[in-house]
Amino acid sequence: MTTLSFCLFKVPSVLSASIGVALTVSTAFAACPLELAVYGDAESAAEIDFRPTMDSAVVTNTFKMVLDNSVVLDGIVMWTEGVGRPHGSLMYKCPTGDVTGDELAACTVWEGVIYGSDDQGNIALLPAEGVDAPKKLIFPDLGPSLQMSAAYGANGFSKVPWDVFALKGCQE
């Protein structure tokens, strides 16, 4: 953690400046709940914005992935039964309402387990809402899956994101 020190005896206005800096620094390190977290990949090709899931009995996390050319993918996480894993799905232009399994499969562009990591690089499964957001998220094989999807190309996005996303901020 960085220590900031100021000489407060020479100029009275320095006191107010130091208080403002101290408040900014503490806010920057404040914890962010996962349901309000914003992540970005190293290539700046995509951003992930989590949203509160509300009262869903099955979906534990909801998010959107924003790519270039205004392409938006809808994401959900549901924990599997048996050996519990946070199974994530990203969908592109899915129909709404009463959707069949085939229709849902046709619009799903990525599926897999989502992992999180802390500052020390410890890997864990993505938690459900209500906890602090992990420092990084890992979406295994995201890039290749998206590149083979209908969302990629002439009428879609052109920059393929990396599989790792770092916490960028917190929505208010």
C-alpha atoms as a PDB file:
ATOM      1  CA  MET A   1       0.000   0.000   0.000  1.00  0.00           C
ATOM      2  CA  THR A   2       1.320   3.458  -0.851  1.00  0.00           C
ATOM      3  CA  THR A   3       1.923   5.900   1.979  1.00  0.00           C
ATOM      4  CA  LEU A   4       1.239   9.547   1.195  1.00  0.00           C
ATOM      5  CA  SER A   5       2.713  12.328   3.288  1.00  0.00           C
ATOM      6  CA  PHE A   6       2.380  16.077   2.955  1.00  0.00           C
ATOM      7  CA  CYS A   7       3.861  19.090   4.677  1.00  0.00           C
ATOM      8  CA  LEU A   8       0.807  20.704   6.296  1.00  0.00           C
ATOM      9  CA  PHE A   9       2.487  23.613   8.044  1.00  0.00           C
ATOM     10  CA  LYS A  10       3.472  25.910   5.177  1.00  0.00           C
ATOM     11  CA  VAL A  11       0.312  26.375   3.093  1.00  0.00           C
ATOM     12  CA  PRO A  12      -3.212  25.951   4.544  1.00  0.00           C
ATOM     13  CA  SER A  13      -4.646  24.899   1.155  1.00  0.00           C
ATOM     14  CA  VAL A  14      -2.386  21.841   1.183  1.00  0.00           C
ATOM     15  CA  LEU A  15      -4.489  20.413   4.023  1.00  0.00           C
ATOM     16  CA  SER A  16      -7.643  20.336   1.924  1.00  0.00           C
ATOM     17  CA  ALA A  17      -5.705  18.901  -1.026  1.00  0.00           C
ATOM     18  CA  SER A  18      -4.266  16.121   1.127  1.00  0.00           C
ATOM     19  CA  ILE A  19      -7.706  15.221   2.489  1.00  0.00           C
ATOM     20  CA  GLY A  20      -9.058  15.012  -1.070  1.00  0.00           C
ATOM     21  CA  VAL A  21      -6.178  12.768  -2.135  1.00  0.00           C
ATOM     22  CA  ALA A  22      -6.640  10.541   0.913  1.00  0.00           C
ATOM     23  CA  LEU A  23     -10.344  10.129   0.155  1.00  0.00           C
ATOM     24  CA  THR A  24      -9.625   9.328  -3.493  1.00  0.00           C
ATOM     25  CA  VAL A  25      -7.018   6.724  -2.592  1.00  0.00           C
ATOM     26  CA  SER A  26      -9.256   4.966  -0.065  1.00  0.00           C
ATOM     27  CA  THR A  27     -12.176   4.940  -2.514  1.00  0.00           C
ATOM     28  CA  ALA A  28      -9.983   3.392  -5.206  1.00  0.00           C
ATOM     29  CA  PHE A  29      -9.214   0.429  -2.924  1.00  0.00           C
ATOM     30  CA  ALA A  30     -12.771  -0.045  -1.642  1.00  0.00           C
ATOM     31  CA  ALA A  31     -14.307  -3.478  -2.196  1.00  0.00           C
ATOM     32  CA  CYS A  32     -16.832  -3.867  -4.996  1.00  0.00           C
ATOM     33  CA  PRO A  33     -19.652  -6.409  -4.855  1.00  0.00           C
ATOM     34  CA  LEU A  34     -19.508  -8.855  -7.754  1.00  0.00           C
ATOM     35  CA  GLU A  35     -22.950  -7.850  -9.033  1.00  0.00           C
ATOM     36  CA  LEU A  36     -21.652  -4.296  -9.707  1.00  0.00           C
ATOM     37  CA  ALA A  37     -18.163  -5.158 -10.982  1.00  0.00           C
ATOM     38  CA  VAL A  38     -16.740  -4.032 -14.327  1.00  0.00           C
ATOM     39  CA  TYR A  39     -13.915  -5.983 -15.982  1.00  0.00           C
ATOM     40  CA  GLY A  40     -11.779  -5.453 -19.082  1.00  0.00           C
ATOM     41  CA  ASP A  41      -9.391  -7.667 -21.018  1.00  0.00           C
ATOM     42  CA  ALA A  42      -5.719  -6.830 -21.668  1.00  0.00           C
ATOM     43  CA  GLU A  43      -6.340  -6.081 -25.351  1.00  0.00           C
ATOM     44  CA  SER A  44      -9.202  -3.641 -24.611  1.00  0.00           C
ATOM     45  CA  ALA A  45     -11.326  -5.735 -26.951  1.00  0.00           C
ATOM     46  CA  ALA A  46     -14.139  -6.375 -24.482  1.00  0.00           C
ATOM     47  CA  GLU A  47     -15.669  -5.226 -21.223  1.00  0.00           C
ATOM     48  CA  ILE A  48     -17.805  -7.239 -18.822  1.00  0.00           C
ATOM     49  CA  ASP A  49     -20.460  -5.475 -16.745  1.00  0.00           C
ATOM     50  CA  PHE A  50     -22.150  -7.520 -14.035  1.00  0.00           C
ATOM     51  CA  ARG A  51     -25.742  -6.733 -13.064  1.00  0.00           C
ATOM     52  CA  PRO A  52     -27.792  -7.808 -10.059  1.00  0.00           C
ATOM     53  CA  THR A  53     -29.593 -11.070 -10.837  1.00  0.00           C
ATOM     54  CA  MET A  54     -32.479 -10.215  -8.518  1.00  0.00           C
ATOM     55  CA  ASP A  55     -34.556 -13.151  -7.297  1.00  0.00           C
ATOM     56  CA  SER A  56     -33.683 -15.889  -9.786  1.00  0.00           C
ATOM     57  CA  ALA A  57     -33.869 -19.385  -8.349  1.00  0.00           C
ATOM     58  CA  VAL A  58     -31.396 -20.802 -10.885  1.00  0.00           C
ATOM     59  CA  VAL A  59     -29.191 -17.998 -12.276  1.00  0.00           C
ATOM     60  CA  THR A  60     -26.511 -16.922  -9.765  1.00  0.00           C
ATOM     61  CA  ASN A  61     -24.846 -14.159 -11.822  1.00  0.00           C
ATOM     62  CA  THR A  62     -25.916 -11.987 -14.750  1.00  0.00           C
ATOM     63  CA  PHE A  63     -23.625  -9.903 -16.961  1.00  0.00           C
ATOM     64  CA  LYS A  64     -23.166  -8.452 -20.395  1.00  0.00           C
ATOM     65  CA  MET A  65     -20.030  -8.487 -22.519  1.00  0.00           C
ATOM     66  CA  VAL A  66     -19.582  -5.433 -24.717  1.00  0.00           C
ATOM     67  CA  LEU A  67     -17.337  -5.861 -27.768  1.00  0.00           C
ATOM     68  CA  ASP A  68     -16.352  -3.443 -30.521  1.00  0.00           C
ATOM     69  CA  ASN A  69     -18.872  -2.355 -33.170  1.00  0.00           C
ATOM     70  CA  SER A  70     -21.534  -2.190 -30.423  1.00  0.00           C
ATOM     71  CA  VAL A  71     -21.888  -5.977 -30.201  1.00  0.00           C
ATOM     72  CA  VAL A  72     -23.394  -7.009 -26.858  1.00  0.00           C
ATOM     73  CA  LEU A  73     -23.447 -10.583 -25.581  1.00  0.00           C
ATOM     74  CA  ASP A  74     -25.776 -11.563 -22.741  1.00  0.00           C
ATOM     75  CA  GLY A  75     -24.217 -13.692 -20.025  1.00  0.00           C
ATOM     76  CA  ILE A  76     -25.547 -15.832 -17.215  1.00  0.00           C
ATOM     77  CA  VAL A  77     -24.031 -18.180 -14.656  1.00  0.00           C
ATOM     78  CA  MET A  78     -25.811 -21.205 -13.201  1.00  0.00           C
ATOM     79  CA  TRP A  79     -24.187 -23.595 -10.735  1.00  0.00           C
ATOM     80  CA  THR A  80     -24.245 -27.213 -11.832  1.00  0.00           C
ATOM     81  CA  GLU A  81     -25.658 -29.985  -9.665  1.00  0.00           C
ATOM     82  CA  GLY A  82     -23.503 -32.772  -8.279  1.00  0.00           C
ATOM     83  CA  VAL A  83     -19.968 -31.415  -8.427  1.00  0.00           C
ATOM     84  CA  GLY A  84     -20.880 -27.737  -8.271  1.00  0.00           C
ATOM     85  CA  ARG A  85     -19.298 -25.492 -10.894  1.00  0.00           C
ATOM     86  CA  PRO A  86     -20.259 -21.983 -12.066  1.00  0.00           C
ATOM     87  CA  HIS A  87     -21.331 -22.798 -15.629  1.00  0.00           C
ATOM     88  CA  GLY A  88     -21.313 -19.615 -17.689  1.00  0.00           C
ATOM     89  CA  SER A  89     -23.041 -19.005 -21.012  1.00  0.00           C
ATOM     90  CA  LEU A  90     -22.697 -16.102 -23.425  1.00  0.00           C
ATOM     91  CA  MET A  91     -25.507 -15.604 -25.920  1.00  0.00           C
ATOM     92  CA  TYR A  92     -25.904 -13.460 -29.013  1.00  0.00           C
ATOM     93  CA  LYS A  93     -29.288 -12.335 -30.330  1.00  0.00           C
ATOM     94  CA  CYS A  94     -31.286 -15.048 -28.608  1.00  0.00           C
ATOM     95  CA  PRO A  95     -35.034 -15.039 -29.148  1.00  0.00           C
ATOM     96  CA  THR A  96     -37.121 -13.974 -26.177  1.00  0.00           C
ATOM     97  CA  GLY A  97     -40.072 -15.656 -24.564  1.00  0.00           C
ATOM     98  CA  ASP A  98     -40.654 -19.408 -24.707  1.00  0.00           C
ATOM     99  CA  VAL A  99     -37.385 -20.642 -26.236  1.00  0.00           C
ATOM    100  CA  THR A 100     -36.576 -24.229 -27.176  1.00  0.00           C
ATOM    101  CA  GLY A 101     -33.304 -25.923 -26.278  1.00  0.00           C
ATOM    102  CA  ASP A 102     -32.286 -25.934 -29.954  1.00  0.00           C
ATOM    103  CA  GLU A 103     -32.938 -22.187 -30.266  1.00  0.00           C
ATOM    104  CA  LEU A 104     -30.911 -21.517 -27.135  1.00  0.00           C
ATOM    105  CA  ALA A 105     -28.041 -23.703 -28.364  1.00  0.00           C
ATOM    106  CA  ALA A 106     -28.028 -21.873 -31.715  1.00  0.00           C
ATOM    107  CA  CYS A 107     -27.538 -18.459 -30.102  1.00  0.00           C
ATOM    108  CA  THR A 108     -25.002 -19.548 -27.447  1.00  0.00           C
ATOM    109  CA  VAL A 109     -21.503 -18.431 -28.485  1.00  0.00           C
ATOM    110  CA  TRP A 110     -19.514 -19.606 -25.433  1.00  0.00           C
ATOM    111  CA  GLU A 111     -20.054 -21.987 -22.521  1.00  0.00           C
ATOM    112  CA  GLY A 112     -17.748 -23.024 -19.734  1.00  0.00           C
ATOM    113  CA  VAL A 113     -16.686 -22.790 -16.127  1.00  0.00           C
ATOM    114  CA  ILE A 114     -15.746 -19.262 -15.015  1.00  0.00           C
ATOM    115  CA  TYR A 115     -12.860 -18.833 -12.589  1.00  0.00           C
ATOM    116  CA  GLY A 116     -11.734 -15.890 -10.469  1.00  0.00           C
ATOM    117  CA  SER A 117      -8.361 -15.027  -8.987  1.00  0.00           C
ATOM    118  CA  ASP A 118      -7.086 -12.763  -6.239  1.00  0.00           C
ATOM    119  CA  ASP A 119      -4.043 -10.449  -6.095  1.00  0.00           C
ATOM    120  CA  GLN A 120      -1.748 -13.383  -5.262  1.00  0.00           C
ATOM    121  CA  GLY A 121      -2.906 -15.421  -8.267  1.00  0.00           C
ATOM    122  CA  ASN A 122      -4.932 -17.937  -6.264  1.00  0.00           C
ATOM    123  CA  ILE A 123      -7.586 -19.425  -8.559  1.00  0.00           C
ATOM    124  CA  ALA A 124     -11.116 -20.187  -7.356  1.00  0.00           C
ATOM    125  CA  LEU A 125     -14.543 -20.777  -8.836  1.00  0.00           C
ATOM    126  CA  LEU A 126     -16.613 -17.664  -9.584  1.00  0.00           C
ATOM    127  CA  PRO A 127     -18.780 -16.985  -6.530  1.00  0.00           C
ATOM    128  CA  ALA A 128     -22.451 -16.076  -6.605  1.00  0.00           C
ATOM    129  CA  GLU A 129     -23.543 -12.497  -5.925  1.00  0.00           C
ATOM    130  CA  GLY A 130     -23.133 -10.876  -2.536  1.00  0.00           C
ATOM    131  CA  VAL A 131     -19.346 -11.170  -2.177  1.00  0.00           C
ATOM    132  CA  ASP A 132     -16.419  -8.958  -3.179  1.00  0.00           C
ATOM    133  CA  ALA A 133     -15.543  -9.170  -6.857  1.00  0.00           C
ATOM    134  CA  PRO A 134     -12.452 -11.234  -7.736  1.00  0.00           C
ATOM    135  CA  LYS A 135      -9.501  -9.208  -9.068  1.00  0.00           C
ATOM    136  CA  LYS A 136      -9.491 -11.228 -12.297  1.00  0.00           C
ATOM    137  CA  LEU A 137     -11.868 -13.499 -14.182  1.00  0.00           C
ATOM    138  CA  ILE A 138     -10.881 -16.372 -16.455  1.00  0.00           C
ATOM    139  CA  PHE A 139     -13.145 -17.538 -19.292  1.00  0.00           C
ATOM    140  CA  PRO A 140     -11.299 -20.596 -20.720  1.00  0.00           C
ATOM    141  CA  ASP A 141     -11.205 -20.716 -24.544  1.00  0.00           C
ATOM    142  CA  LEU A 142     -13.326 -17.578 -24.854  1.00  0.00           C
ATOM    143  CA  GLY A 143     -11.408 -16.034 -27.759  1.00  0.00           C
ATOM    144  CA  PRO A 144     -11.472 -19.054 -30.098  1.00  0.00           C
ATOM    145  CA  SER A 145     -15.154 -19.725 -29.340  1.00  0.00           C
ATOM    146  CA  LEU A 146     -16.169 -16.146 -30.069  1.00  0.00           C
ATOM    147  CA  GLN A 147     -14.095 -16.035 -33.248  1.00  0.00           C
ATOM    148  CA  MET A 148     -16.063 -19.016 -34.583  1.00  0.00           C
ATOM    149  CA  SER A 149     -19.440 -17.472 -33.681  1.00  0.00           C
ATOM    150  CA  ALA A 150     -22.031 -15.598 -35.721  1.00  0.00           C
ATOM    151  CA  ALA A 151     -21.221 -12.471 -33.681  1.00  0.00           C
ATOM    152  CA  TYR A 152     -17.738 -12.237 -35.259  1.00  0.00           C
ATOM    153  CA  GLY A 153     -16.881 -10.857 -38.680  1.00  0.00           C
ATOM    154  CA  ALA A 154     -18.180  -8.352 -41.187  1.00  0.00           C
ATOM    155  CA  ASN A 155     -21.503  -7.760 -39.408  1.00  0.00           C
ATOM    156  CA  GLY A 156     -20.214  -8.232 -35.868  1.00  0.00           C
ATOM    157  CA  PHE A 157     -17.188  -7.557 -33.710  1.00  0.00           C
ATOM    158  CA  SER A 158     -13.633  -7.580 -35.080  1.00  0.00           C
ATOM    159  CA  LYS A 159     -11.371  -7.587 -31.993  1.00  0.00           C
ATOM    160  CA  VAL A 160     -11.113 -10.959 -30.267  1.00  0.00           C
ATOM    161  CA  PRO A 161     -10.824 -10.676 -26.474  1.00  0.00           C
ATOM    162  CA  TRP A 162      -8.354 -12.548 -24.332  1.00  0.00           C
ATOM    163  CA  ASP A 163      -9.571 -15.165 -21.817  1.00  0.00           C
ATOM    164  CA  VAL A 164      -8.515 -13.132 -18.747  1.00  0.00           C
ATOM    165  CA  PHE A 165     -10.337 -10.007 -17.542  1.00  0.00           C
ATOM    166  CA  ALA A 166      -9.105  -7.641 -14.812  1.00  0.00           C
ATOM    167  CA  LEU A 167     -11.334  -5.698 -12.438  1.00  0.00           C
ATOM    168  CA  LYS A 168     -11.567  -2.124 -13.779  1.00  0.00           C
ATOM    169  CA  GLY A 169     -14.128  -0.562 -11.526  1.00  0.00           C
ATOM    170  CA  CYS A 170     -17.455  -0.680  -9.796  1.00  0.00           C
ATOM    171  CA  GLN A 171     -20.802   0.584 -11.047  1.00  0.00           C
ATOM    172  CA  GLU A 172     -22.617   2.958  -8.740  1.00  0.00           C
END
